[in-house]
Protein backbone atom coordinates (compact mmCIF):
# COMPACT_ATOMS: atom_id res chain seq x y z
CA MET A 1 32.04 40.29 -2.67
CA THR A 2 31.16 36.70 -3.47
CA LYS A 3 27.67 35.25 -3.79
CA ILE A 4 27.88 33.68 -0.32
CA GLU A 5 29.04 36.97 1.18
CA MET A 6 26.11 38.72 -0.53
CA VAL A 7 23.66 36.15 0.83
CA ASN A 8 25.10 36.59 4.33
CA LYS A 9 24.97 40.40 4.07
CA ILE A 10 21.33 40.36 2.94
CA GLY A 11 20.54 37.81 5.66
CA GLU A 12 21.70 40.28 8.32
CA SER A 13 18.82 42.63 7.52
CA VAL A 14 16.10 40.33 6.17
CA ALA A 15 14.25 37.69 8.17
CA LEU A 16 14.52 34.94 5.56
CA PRO A 17 16.45 31.67 5.53
CA LYS A 18 19.74 31.89 3.65
CA SER A 19 18.57 29.18 1.26
CA ASP A 20 15.62 31.37 0.23
CA ILE A 21 17.87 34.41 -0.20
CA GLU A 22 20.19 32.34 -2.40
CA LYS A 23 17.23 31.21 -4.56
CA ILE A 24 16.06 34.82 -4.94
CA LEU A 25 19.56 35.94 -5.89
CA ASP A 26 19.83 33.10 -8.43
CA GLN A 27 16.50 34.11 -9.98
CA PHE A 28 17.59 37.76 -10.10
CA VAL A 29 20.75 36.77 -12.00
CA LYS A 30 18.77 34.55 -14.39
CA ALA A 31 16.16 37.25 -15.05
CA THR A 32 18.92 39.80 -15.69
CA GLN A 33 20.70 37.44 -18.09
CA ASP A 34 17.48 36.64 -19.97
CA THR A 35 16.57 40.32 -20.29
CA LEU A 36 20.03 41.29 -21.57
CA LYS A 37 20.08 38.34 -23.98
CA ALA A 38 16.77 39.58 -25.40
CA GLY A 39 18.45 42.93 -26.07
CA ASP A 40 16.71 44.90 -23.33
CA LYS A 41 18.22 47.15 -20.67
CA VAL A 42 18.09 46.35 -16.93
CA SER A 43 17.79 49.43 -14.70
CA LEU A 44 18.11 49.22 -10.92
CA THR A 45 17.31 52.42 -9.04
CA GLY A 46 20.13 53.22 -6.64
CA LEU A 47 22.64 51.08 -8.54
CA GLY A 48 22.64 51.72 -12.27
CA SER A 49 21.83 50.19 -15.65
CA PHE A 50 23.12 47.15 -17.51
CA ILE A 51 22.92 47.87 -21.24
CA PRO A 52 23.48 45.27 -24.00
CA LYS A 53 25.69 46.55 -26.83
CA ASP A 54 26.96 45.16 -30.12
CA ARG A 55 30.71 45.53 -30.56
CA LYS A 56 31.78 45.72 -34.21
CA ALA A 57 34.45 43.51 -35.70
CA ARG A 58 37.84 45.19 -35.82
CA THR A 59 41.49 44.67 -36.51
CA ALA A 60 43.81 44.84 -33.51
CA ARG A 61 47.55 44.41 -33.08
CA ASN A 62 49.36 41.80 -31.05
CA PRO A 63 51.50 44.00 -28.75
CA LYS A 64 54.28 41.41 -28.60
CA THR A 65 54.69 40.69 -32.31
CA GLY A 66 52.93 43.66 -33.93
CA ALA A 67 50.95 41.25 -36.13
CA ALA A 68 47.40 42.20 -37.14
CA VAL A 69 44.69 40.17 -35.42
CA ASN A 70 41.05 40.07 -36.51
CA VAL A 71 38.68 40.49 -33.57
CA PRO A 72 35.16 39.28 -34.43
CA ALA A 73 31.96 41.18 -33.65
CA LYS A 74 30.33 40.24 -30.36
CA LYS A 75 27.70 41.27 -27.85
CA VAL A 76 28.87 42.88 -24.62
CA VAL A 77 27.23 44.37 -21.53
CA LYS A 78 27.98 47.92 -20.46
CA PHE A 79 27.26 49.18 -16.94
CA LYS A 80 26.27 52.79 -16.38
CA PRO A 81 26.29 53.70 -12.68
CA GLY A 82 23.26 55.56 -11.34
CA LYS A 83 23.31 58.96 -9.67
CA GLU A 84 22.90 57.50 -6.16
CA LEU A 85 25.81 55.09 -6.62
CA LEU A 86 28.03 57.89 -7.88
CA GLU A 87 27.09 60.01 -4.86
CA VAL A 88 27.83 57.16 -2.43
CA MET A 89 31.23 56.60 -4.04
CA GLN A 90 32.12 60.28 -3.52
CA GLU A 91 31.38 60.23 0.22
CA GLN A 92 34.40 60.34 2.50
CA PRO A 93 34.85 57.29 4.75
CA PRO A 94 34.50 57.95 8.52
CA GLN A 95 37.79 58.46 10.33
């Protein structure tokens, strides 16, 4: 789902102009990014949690040549789905 599709989907059930929905969605993304950058977790009931993690430096192998490649340490974001999302994903689609 793209951002525009998300705005349209939300617009179907909320009586707000699409431009306002887009601004809210933009602010949500910015707030999430700022929180994760600060090293804090973002939890959304019904969806799950975005958790910032530090990935250690490591040595990997190039699968084509077999040469060792140094992979530097970096920060990544892990997503842990919530209970409600897991339950929804297990439901059978209507036939």
